[in-house]
Amino acid sequence: MNKVEFVKKIAEVSVEEVSQKQVGAVLAAIESVVKDVVLADDEVTIPGVCKIKSKDVPERTGKIMMGDRKGETYMTPEHKEGSVKIVKSLKKVFE
């Protein structure tokens, strides 16, 4: 399901009459807020869906296992990664 289909579906199932344009504006606002909060090293919980946060990944080394450079080592610098955890109630849907 792409963004257009997602917006259309939300507009269809909403309790009050909400236009697709309004739903799109809300999704854009949610995206902006999530980015700001996660970049500030905080956690965002979208009730009934997921928890989103950033985590620090330490510097590490690895070894190339295939190709012409097999056996060479490389270094991945310290960086941040996004982490998404699905809430328990939604996980039960897939059981």
PDB file of N, CA and C in Angstrom:
ATOM      1  N   MET A   1       0.853  -1.160   0.000  1.00  0.00           N
ATOM      2  CA  MET A   1       0.000   0.000   0.000  1.00  0.00           C
ATOM      3  C   MET A   1       0.909   1.236   0.000  1.00  0.00           C
ATOM      4  N   ASN A   2       0.727   2.114  -0.971  1.00  0.00           N
ATOM      5  CA  ASN A   2       1.529   3.334  -1.021  1.00  0.00           C
ATOM      6  C   ASN A   2       0.838   4.456  -0.248  1.00  0.00           C
ATOM      7  N   LYS A   3       1.474   5.631  -0.217  1.00  0.00           N
ATOM      8  CA  LYS A   3       0.965   6.735   0.588  1.00  0.00           C
ATOM      9  C   LYS A   3      -0.418   7.190   0.122  1.00  0.00           C
ATOM     10  N   VAL A   4      -0.633   7.277  -1.191  1.00  0.00           N
ATOM     11  CA  VAL A   4      -1.926   7.722  -1.727  1.00  0.00           C
ATOM     12  C   VAL A   4      -3.043   6.769  -1.297  1.00  0.00           C
ATOM     13  N   GLU A   5      -2.796   5.483  -1.409  1.00  0.00           N
ATOM     14  CA  GLU A   5      -3.787   4.482  -1.003  1.00  0.00           C
ATOM     15  C   GLU A   5      -4.026   4.544   0.506  1.00  0.00           C
ATOM     16  N   PHE A   6      -2.958   4.754   1.262  1.00  0.00           N
ATOM     17  CA  PHE A   6      -3.052   4.840   2.716  1.00  0.00           C
ATOM     18  C   PHE A   6      -3.922   6.028   3.130  1.00  0.00           C
ATOM     19  N   VAL A   7      -3.667   7.182   2.536  1.00  0.00           N
ATOM     20  CA  VAL A   7      -4.440   8.394   2.838  1.00  0.00           C
ATOM     21  C   VAL A   7      -5.908   8.179   2.474  1.00  0.00           C
ATOM     22  N   LYS A   8      -6.151   7.583   1.316  1.00  0.00           N
ATOM     23  CA  LYS A   8      -7.521   7.330   0.857  1.00  0.00           C
ATOM     24  C   LYS A   8      -8.257   6.409   1.839  1.00  0.00           C
ATOM     25  N   LYS A   9      -7.586   5.361   2.287  1.00  0.00           N
ATOM     26  CA  LYS A   9      -8.192   4.399   3.207  1.00  0.00           C
ATOM     27  C   LYS A   9      -8.521   5.052   4.553  1.00  0.00           C
ATOM     28  N   ILE A  10      -7.609   5.883   5.067  1.00  0.00           N
ATOM     29  CA  ILE A  10      -7.866   6.569   6.326  1.00  0.00           C
ATOM     30  C   ILE A  10      -9.071   7.492   6.192  1.00  0.00           C
ATOM     31  N   ALA A  11      -9.145   8.221   5.080  1.00  0.00           N
ATOM     32  CA  ALA A  11     -10.284   9.123   4.848  1.00  0.00           C
ATOM     33  C   ALA A  11     -11.594   8.336   4.790  1.00  0.00           C
ATOM     34  N   GLU A  12     -11.560   7.130   4.222  1.00  0.00           N
ATOM     35  CA  GLU A  12     -12.761   6.295   4.102  1.00  0.00           C
ATOM     36  C   GLU A  12     -13.244   5.784   5.462  1.00  0.00           C
ATOM     37  N   VAL A  13     -12.326   5.359   6.313  1.00  0.00           N
ATOM     38  CA  VAL A  13     -12.718   4.715   7.567  1.00  0.00           C
ATOM     39  C   VAL A  13     -12.842   5.679   8.736  1.00  0.00           C
ATOM     40  N   SER A  14     -12.552   6.958   8.525  1.00  0.00           N
ATOM     41  CA  SER A  14     -12.649   7.916   9.621  1.00  0.00           C
ATOM     42  C   SER A  14     -14.101   8.086  10.064  1.00  0.00           C
ATOM     43  N   VAL A  15     -14.288   8.341  11.346  1.00  0.00           N
ATOM     44  CA  VAL A  15     -15.614   8.474  11.945  1.00  0.00           C
ATOM     45  C   VAL A  15     -16.315   9.724  11.401  1.00  0.00           C
ATOM     46  N   GLU A  16     -15.594  10.824  11.396  1.00  0.00           N
ATOM     47  CA  GLU A  16     -16.152  12.049  10.844  1.00  0.00           C
ATOM     48  C   GLU A  16     -15.700  12.167   9.392  1.00  0.00           C
ATOM     49  N   GLU A  17     -16.376  13.006   8.642  1.00  0.00           N
ATOM     50  CA  GLU A  17     -15.975  13.191   7.257  1.00  0.00           C
ATOM     51  C   GLU A  17     -14.676  13.978   7.217  1.00  0.00           C
ATOM     52  N   VAL A  18     -13.624  13.310   6.786  1.00  0.00           N
ATOM     53  CA  VAL A  18     -12.306  13.918   6.675  1.00  0.00           C
ATOM     54  C   VAL A  18     -11.856  13.765   5.230  1.00  0.00           C
ATOM     55  N   SER A  19     -11.368  14.853   4.656  1.00  0.00           N
ATOM     56  CA  SER A  19     -10.937  14.792   3.265  1.00  0.00           C
ATOM     57  C   SER A  19      -9.546  14.168   3.169  1.00  0.00           C
ATOM     58  N   GLN A  20      -9.217  13.683   1.994  1.00  0.00           N
ATOM     59  CA  GLN A  20      -7.893  13.112   1.767  1.00  0.00           C
ATOM     60  C   GLN A  20      -6.815  14.180   1.949  1.00  0.00           C
ATOM     61  N   LYS A  21      -7.136  15.407   1.599  1.00  0.00           N
ATOM     62  CA  LYS A  21      -6.191  16.507   1.755  1.00  0.00           C
ATOM     63  C   LYS A  21      -5.871  16.730   3.237  1.00  0.00           C
ATOM     64  N   GLN A  22      -6.898  16.660   4.095  1.00  0.00           N
ATOM     65  CA  GLN A  22      -6.689  16.821   5.533  1.00  0.00           C
ATOM     66  C   GLN A  22      -5.849  15.678   6.098  1.00  0.00           C
ATOM     67  N   VAL A  23      -6.136  14.462   5.666  1.00  0.00           N
ATOM     68  CA  VAL A  23      -5.378  13.299   6.130  1.00  0.00           C
ATOM     69  C   VAL A  23      -3.914  13.431   5.695  1.00  0.00           C
ATOM     70  N   GLY A  24      -3.686  13.858   4.462  1.00  0.00           N
ATOM     71  CA  GLY A  24      -2.325  14.059   3.971  1.00  0.00           C
ATOM     72  C   GLY A  24      -1.574  15.100   4.787  1.00  0.00           C
ATOM     73  N   ALA A  25      -2.259  16.176   5.178  1.00  0.00           N
ATOM     74  CA  ALA A  25      -1.641  17.223   5.987  1.00  0.00           C
ATOM     75  C   ALA A  25      -1.270  16.684   7.371  1.00  0.00           C
ATOM     76  N   VAL A  26      -2.134  15.883   7.952  1.00  0.00           N
ATOM     77  CA  VAL A  26      -1.852  15.293   9.266  1.00  0.00           C
ATOM     78  C   VAL A  26      -0.669  14.333   9.174  1.00  0.00           C
ATOM     79  N   LEU A  27      -0.623  13.514   8.141  1.00  0.00           N
ATOM     80  CA  LEU A  27       0.506  12.590   7.984  1.00  0.00           C
ATOM     81  C   LEU A  27       1.820  13.348   7.823  1.00  0.00           C
ATOM     82  N   ALA A  28       1.802  14.437   7.067  1.00  0.00           N
ATOM     83  CA  ALA A  28       3.010  15.252   6.896  1.00  0.00           C
ATOM     84  C   ALA A  28       3.446  15.844   8.235  1.00  0.00           C
ATOM     85  N   ALA A  29       2.486  16.279   9.042  1.00  0.00           N
ATOM     86  CA  ALA A  29       2.801  16.826  10.362  1.00  0.00           C
ATOM     87  C   ALA A  29       3.384  15.745  11.272  1.00  0.00           C
ATOM     88  N   ILE A  30       2.811  14.556  11.233  1.00  0.00           N
ATOM     89  CA  ILE A  30       3.322  13.441  12.039  1.00  0.00           C
ATOM     90  C   ILE A  30       4.761  13.128  11.634  1.00  0.00           C
ATOM     91  N   GLU A  31       5.015  13.084  10.348  1.00  0.00           N
ATOM     92  CA  GLU A  31       6.360  12.799   9.857  1.00  0.00           C
ATOM     93  C   GLU A  31       7.360  13.846  10.370  1.00  0.00           C
ATOM     94  N   SER A  32       6.981  15.091  10.315  1.00  0.00           N
ATOM     95  CA  SER A  32       7.846  16.179  10.773  1.00  0.00           C
ATOM     96  C   SER A  32       8.130  16.077  12.270  1.00  0.00           C
ATOM     97  N   VAL A  33       7.100  15.828  13.054  1.00  0.00           N
ATOM     98  CA  VAL A  33       7.259  15.713  14.511  1.00  0.00           C
ATOM     99  C   VAL A  33       8.134  14.514  14.863  1.00  0.00           C
ATOM    100  N   VAL A  34       7.901  13.379  14.225  1.00  0.00           N
ATOM    101  CA  VAL A  34       8.697  12.179  14.511  1.00  0.00           C
ATOM    102  C   VAL A  34      10.167  12.446  14.195  1.00  0.00           C
ATOM    103  N   LYS A  35      10.454  13.059  13.048  1.00  0.00           N
ATOM    104  CA  LYS A  35      11.844  13.370  12.695  1.00  0.00           C
ATOM    105  C   LYS A  35      12.489  14.263  13.744  1.00  0.00           C
ATOM    106  N   ASP A  36      11.801  15.329  14.143  1.00  0.00           N
ATOM    107  CA  ASP A  36      12.352  16.264  15.123  1.00  0.00           C
ATOM    108  C   ASP A  36      12.627  15.592  16.461  1.00  0.00           C
ATOM    109  N   VAL A  37      11.693  14.796  16.927  1.00  0.00           N
ATOM    110  CA  VAL A  37      11.836  14.144  18.232  1.00  0.00           C
ATOM    111  C   VAL A  37      12.936  13.087  18.205  1.00  0.00           C
ATOM    112  N   VAL A  38      12.977  12.286  17.161  1.00  0.00           N
ATOM    113  CA  VAL A  38      13.980  11.225  17.080  1.00  0.00           C
ATOM    114  C   VAL A  38      15.381  11.819  16.921  1.00  0.00           C
ATOM    115  N   LEU A  39      15.511  12.887  16.129  1.00  0.00           N
ATOM    116  CA  LEU A  39      16.818  13.532  15.985  1.00  0.00           C
ATOM    117  C   LEU A  39      17.285  14.172  17.293  1.00  0.00           C
ATOM    118  N   ALA A  40      16.348  14.505  18.181  1.00  0.00           N
ATOM    119  CA  ALA A  40      16.688  15.061  19.490  1.00  0.00           C
ATOM    120  C   ALA A  40      16.941  13.963  20.518  1.00  0.00           C
ATOM    121  N   ASP A  41      17.149  12.732  20.066  1.00  0.00           N
ATOM    122  CA  ASP A  41      17.427  11.570  20.927  1.00  0.00           C
ATOM    123  C   ASP A  41      16.319  11.274  21.917  1.00  0.00           C
ATOM    124  N   ASP A  42      15.098  11.472  21.519  1.00  0.00           N
ATOM    125  CA  ASP A  42      13.958  11.132  22.360  1.00  0.00           C
ATOM    126  C   ASP A  42      13.190   9.998  21.679  1.00  0.00           C
ATOM    127  N   GLU A  43      12.151   9.507  22.319  1.00  0.00           N
ATOM    128  CA  GLU A  43      11.360   8.390  21.797  1.00  0.00           C
ATOM    129  C   GLU A  43       9.949   8.870  21.491  1.00  0.00           C
ATOM    130  N   VAL A  44       9.391   8.371  20.396  1.00  0.00           N
ATOM    131  CA  VAL A  44       8.019   8.697  20.018  1.00  0.00           C
ATOM    132  C   VAL A  44       7.211   7.404  20.050  1.00  0.00           C
ATOM    133  N   THR A  45       6.051   7.451  20.699  1.00  0.00           N
ATOM    134  CA  THR A  45       5.145   6.308  20.691  1.00  0.00           C
ATOM    135  C   THR A  45       3.904   6.699  19.902  1.00  0.00           C
ATOM    136  N   ILE A  46       3.613   5.932  18.872  1.00  0.00           N
ATOM    137  CA  ILE A  46       2.378   6.113  18.123  1.00  0.00           C
ATOM    138  C   ILE A  46       1.434   5.055  18.680  1.00  0.00           C
ATOM    139  N   PRO A  47       0.449   5.471  19.486  1.00  0.00           N
ATOM    140  CA  PRO A  47      -0.396   4.524  20.215  1.00  0.00           C
ATOM    141  C   PRO A  47      -1.020   3.462  19.299  1.00  0.00           C
ATOM    142  N   GLY A  48      -0.882   2.222  19.725  1.00  0.00           N
ATOM    143  CA  GLY A  48      -1.459   1.108  18.987  1.00  0.00           C
ATOM    144  C   GLY A  48      -0.667   0.685  17.769  1.00  0.00           C
ATOM    145  N   VAL A  49       0.476   1.343  17.503  1.00  0.00           N
ATOM    146  CA  VAL A  49       1.249   1.012  16.305  1.00  0.00           C
ATOM    147  C   VAL A  49       2.699   0.661  16.659  1.00  0.00           C
ATOM    148  N   CYS A  50       3.475   1.657  17.112  1.00  0.00           N
ATOM    149  CA  CYS A  50       4.896   1.403  17.326  1.00  0.00           C
ATOM    150  C   CYS A  50       5.547   2.449  18.219  1.00  0.00           C
ATOM    151  N   LYS A  51       6.797   2.138  18.602  1.00  0.00           N
ATOM    152  CA  LYS A  51       7.669   3.079  19.290  1.00  0.00           C
ATOM    153  C   LYS A  51       8.858   3.316  18.363  1.00  0.00           C
ATOM    154  N   ILE A  52       9.240   4.583  18.204  1.00  0.00           N
ATOM    155  CA  ILE A  52      10.343   4.932  17.321  1.00  0.00           C
ATOM    156  C   ILE A  52      11.374   5.706  18.132  1.00  0.00           C
ATOM    157  N   LYS A  53      12.647   5.311  18.012  1.00  0.00           N
ATOM    158  CA  LYS A  53      13.704   6.033  18.700  1.00  0.00           C
ATOM    159  C   LYS A  53      15.005   5.870  17.921  1.00  0.00           C
ATOM    160  N   SER A  54      15.983   6.685  18.276  1.00  0.00           N
ATOM    161  CA  SER A  54      17.293   6.536  17.663  1.00  0.00           C
ATOM    162  C   SER A  54      18.216   5.861  18.665  1.00  0.00           C
ATOM    163  N   LYS A  55      19.208   5.174  18.135  1.00  0.00           N
ATOM    164  CA  LYS A  55      20.179   4.538  19.022  1.00  0.00           C
ATOM    165  C   LYS A  55      21.565   4.765  18.449  1.00  0.00           C
ATOM    166  N   ASP A  56      22.535   4.866  19.346  1.00  0.00           N
ATOM    167  CA  ASP A  56      23.923   5.038  18.942  1.00  0.00           C
ATOM    168  C   ASP A  56      24.517   3.681  18.609  1.00  0.00           C
ATOM    169  N   VAL A  57      25.219   3.615  17.481  1.00  0.00           N
ATOM    170  CA  VAL A  57      25.899   2.393  17.072  1.00  0.00           C
ATOM    171  C   VAL A  57      27.399   2.671  17.163  1.00  0.00           C
ATOM    172  N   PRO A  58      28.129   1.895  17.960  1.00  0.00           N
ATOM    173  CA  PRO A  58      29.562   2.155  18.121  1.00  0.00           C
ATOM    174  C   PRO A  58      30.358   1.813  16.850  1.00  0.00           C
ATOM    175  N   GLU A  59      31.546   2.357  16.777  1.00  0.00           N
ATOM    176  CA  GLU A  59      32.450   2.042  15.676  1.00  0.00           C
ATOM    177  C   GLU A  59      32.780   0.552  15.727  1.00  0.00           C
ATOM    178  N   ARG A  60      32.885  -0.076  14.566  1.00  0.00           N
ATOM    179  CA  ARG A  60      33.224  -1.498  14.551  1.00  0.00           C
ATOM    180  C   ARG A  60      33.971  -1.844  13.270  1.00  0.00           C
ATOM    181  N   THR A  61      34.648  -2.970  13.311  1.00  0.00           N
ATOM    182  CA  THR A  61      35.380  -3.430  12.135  1.00  0.00           C
ATOM    183  C   THR A  61      34.750  -4.724  11.645  1.00  0.00           C
ATOM    184  N   GLY A  62      34.964  -5.001  10.384  1.00  0.00           N
ATOM    185  CA  GLY A  62      34.448  -6.224   9.792  1.00  0.00           C
ATOM    186  C   GLY A  62      35.413  -6.746   8.755  1.00  0.00           C
ATOM    187  N   LYS A  63      35.100  -7.892   8.212  1.00  0.00           N
ATOM    188  CA  LYS A  63      35.965  -8.506   7.215  1.00  0.00           C
ATOM    189  C   LYS A  63      35.158  -8.776   5.955  1.00  0.00           C
ATOM    190  N   ILE A  64      35.709  -8.426   4.812  1.00  0.00           N
ATOM    191  CA  ILE A  64      35.057  -8.693   3.531  1.00  0.00           C
ATOM    192  C   ILE A  64      35.132 -10.191   3.282  1.00  0.00           C
ATOM    193  N   MET A  65      33.989 -10.817   2.986  1.00  0.00           N
ATOM    194  CA  MET A  65      33.930 -12.270   2.893  1.00  0.00           C
ATOM    195  C   MET A  65      33.852 -12.794   1.458  1.00  0.00           C
ATOM    196  N   MET A  66      33.651 -11.902   0.470  1.00  0.00           N
ATOM    197  CA  MET A  66      33.504 -12.358  -0.911  1.00  0.00           C
ATOM    198  C   MET A  66      34.223 -11.414  -1.862  1.00  0.00           C
ATOM    199  N   GLY A  67      34.449 -11.870  -3.068  1.00  0.00           N
ATOM    200  CA  GLY A  67      34.984 -11.019  -4.117  1.00  0.00           C
ATOM    201  C   GLY A  67      36.495 -10.916  -4.104  1.00  0.00           C
ATOM    202  N   ASP A  68      36.990  -9.990  -4.911  1.00  0.00           N
ATOM    203  CA  ASP A  68      38.438  -9.810  -5.061  1.00  0.00           C
ATOM    204  C   ASP A  68      39.108  -9.330  -3.783  1.00  0.00           C
ATOM    205  N   ARG A  69      38.374  -8.642  -2.937  1.00  0.00           N
ATOM    206  CA  ARG A  69      38.948  -8.081  -1.728  1.00  0.00           C
ATOM    207  C   ARG A  69      38.722  -8.974  -0.505  1.00  0.00           C
ATOM    208  N   LYS A  70      38.414 -10.237  -0.730  1.00  0.00           N
ATOM    209  CA  LYS A  70      38.130 -11.174   0.358  1.00  0.00           C
ATOM    210  C   LYS A  70      39.274 -11.181   1.368  1.00  0.00           C
ATOM    211  N   GLY A  71      38.903 -11.099   2.652  1.00  0.00           N
ATOM    212  CA  GLY A  71      39.884 -11.129   3.720  1.00  0.00           C
ATOM    213  C   GLY A  71      40.304  -9.757   4.209  1.00  0.00           C
ATOM    214  N   GLU A  72      40.068  -8.710   3.417  1.00  0.00           N
ATOM    215  CA  GLU A  72      40.410  -7.358   3.855  1.00  0.00           C
ATOM    216  C   GLU A  72      39.449  -6.920   4.962  1.00  0.00           C
ATOM    217  N   THR A  73      39.926  -6.056   5.826  1.00  0.00           N
ATOM    218  CA  THR A  73      39.065  -5.534   6.884  1.00  0.00           C
ATOM    219  C   THR A  73      38.607  -4.123   6.530  1.00  0.00           C
ATOM    220  N   TYR A  74      37.491  -3.745   7.094  1.00  0.00           N
ATOM    221  CA  TYR A  74      36.962  -2.398   6.899  1.00  0.00           C
ATOM    222  C   TYR A  74      36.428  -1.896   8.231  1.00  0.00           C
ATOM    223  N   MET A  75      36.243  -0.575   8.320  1.00  0.00           N
ATOM    224  CA  MET A  75      35.742   0.011   9.550  1.00  0.00           C
ATOM    225  C   MET A  75      34.444   0.760   9.264  1.00  0.00           C
ATOM    226  N   THR A  76      33.444   0.538  10.097  1.00  0.00           N
ATOM    227  CA  THR A  76      32.198   1.298  10.035  1.00  0.00           C
ATOM    228  C   THR A  76      32.257   2.318  11.163  1.00  0.00           C
ATOM    229  N   PRO A  77      32.177   3.615  10.836  1.00  0.00           N
ATOM    230  CA  PRO A  77      32.290   4.635  11.885  1.00  0.00           C
ATOM    231  C   PRO A  77      31.077   4.653  12.819  1.00  0.00           C
ATOM    232  N   GLU A  78      31.246   5.280  13.969  1.00  0.00           N
ATOM    233  CA  GLU A  78      30.156   5.446  14.923  1.00  0.00           C
ATOM    234  C   GLU A  78      29.050   6.276  14.263  1.00  0.00           C
ATOM    235  N   HIS A  79      27.792   5.864  14.473  1.00  0.00           N
ATOM    236  CA  HIS A  79      26.674   6.575  13.850  1.00  0.00           C
ATOM    237  C   HIS A  79      25.385   6.298  14.621  1.00  0.00           C
ATOM    238  N   LYS A  80      24.306   6.930  14.185  1.00  0.00           N
ATOM    239  CA  LYS A  80      22.986   6.701  14.781  1.00  0.00           C
ATOM    240  C   LYS A  80      22.133   5.895  13.807  1.00  0.00           C
ATOM    241  N   GLU A  81      21.258   5.067  14.363  1.00  0.00           N
ATOM    242  CA  GLU A  81      20.302   4.298  13.567  1.00  0.00           C
ATOM    243  C   GLU A  81      18.917   4.472  14.159  1.00  0.00           C
ATOM    244  N   GLY A  82      17.921   4.376  13.307  1.00  0.00           N
ATOM    245  CA  GLY A  82      16.556   4.395  13.789  1.00  0.00           C
ATOM    246  C   GLY A  82      16.153   3.017  14.263  1.00  0.00           C
ATOM    247  N   SER A  83      15.304   2.985  15.260  1.00  0.00           N
ATOM    248  CA  SER A  83      14.821   1.726  15.811  1.00  0.00           C
ATOM    249  C   SER A  83      13.306   1.815  15.942  1.00  0.00           C
ATOM    250  N   VAL A  84      12.611   0.833  15.358  1.00  0.00           N
ATOM    251  CA  VAL A  84      11.150   0.803  15.423  1.00  0.00           C
ATOM    252  C   VAL A  84      10.731  -0.489  16.100  1.00  0.00           C
ATOM    253  N   LYS A  85       9.910  -0.366  17.139  1.00  0.00           N
ATOM    254  CA  LYS A  85       9.422  -1.544  17.863  1.00  0.00           C
ATOM    255  C   LYS A  85       7.903  -1.569  17.764  1.00  0.00           C
ATOM    256  N   ILE A  86       7.371  -2.637  17.197  1.00  0.00           N
ATOM    257  CA  ILE A  86       5.928  -2.806  17.051  1.00  0.00           C
ATOM    258  C   ILE A  86       5.328  -3.097  18.420  1.00  0.00           C
ATOM    259  N   VAL A  87       4.189  -2.470  18.740  1.00  0.00           N
ATOM    260  CA  VAL A  87       3.561  -2.695  20.037  1.00  0.00           C
ATOM    261  C   VAL A  87       2.970  -4.098  20.116  1.00  0.00           C
ATOM    262  N   LYS A  88       2.846  -4.584  21.340  1.00  0.00           N
ATOM    263  CA  LYS A  88       2.413  -5.952  21.591  1.00  0.00           C
ATOM    264  C   LYS A  88       1.049  -6.276  20.968  1.00  0.00           C
ATOM    265  N   SER A  89       0.107  -5.346  21.071  1.00  0.00           N
ATOM    266  CA  SER A  89      -1.243  -5.611  20.562  1.00  0.00           C
ATOM    267  C   SER A  89      -1.242  -5.812  19.052  1.00  0.00           C
ATOM    268  N   LEU A  90      -0.368  -5.130  18.337  1.00  0.00           N
ATOM    269  CA  LEU A  90      -0.287  -5.295  16.887  1.00  0.00           C
ATOM    270  C   LEU A  90       0.466  -6.574  16.513  1.00  0.00           C
ATOM    271  N   LYS A  91       1.438  -6.962  17.336  1.00  0.00           N
ATOM    272  CA  LYS A  91       2.172  -8.202  17.082  1.00  0.00           C
ATOM    273  C   LYS A  91       1.237  -9.412  17.136  1.00  0.00           C
ATOM    274  N   LYS A  92       0.236  -9.359  18.028  1.00  0.00           N
ATOM    275  CA  LYS A  92      -0.695 -10.473  18.176  1.00  0.00           C
ATOM    276  C   LYS A  92      -1.511 -10.717  16.906  1.00  0.00           C
ATOM    277  N   VAL A  93      -1.684  -9.691  16.092  1.00  0.00           N
ATOM    278  CA  VAL A  93      -2.434  -9.821  14.838  1.00  0.00           C
ATOM    279  C   VAL A  93      -1.734 -10.795  13.905  1.00  0.00           C
ATOM    280  N   PHE A  94      -0.386 -10.861  13.981  1.00  0.00           N
ATOM    281  CA  PHE A  94       0.387 -11.689  13.069  1.00  0.00           C
ATOM    282  C   PHE A  94       0.620 -13.100  13.585  1.00  0.00           C
ATOM    283  N   GLU A  95       0.130 -13.406  14.760  1.00  0.00           N
ATOM    284  CA  GLU A  95       0.327 -14.749  15.321  1.00  0.00           C
ATOM    285  C   GLU A  95      -0.671 -15.725  14.755  1.00  0.00           C
TER     286      GLU A  95
END
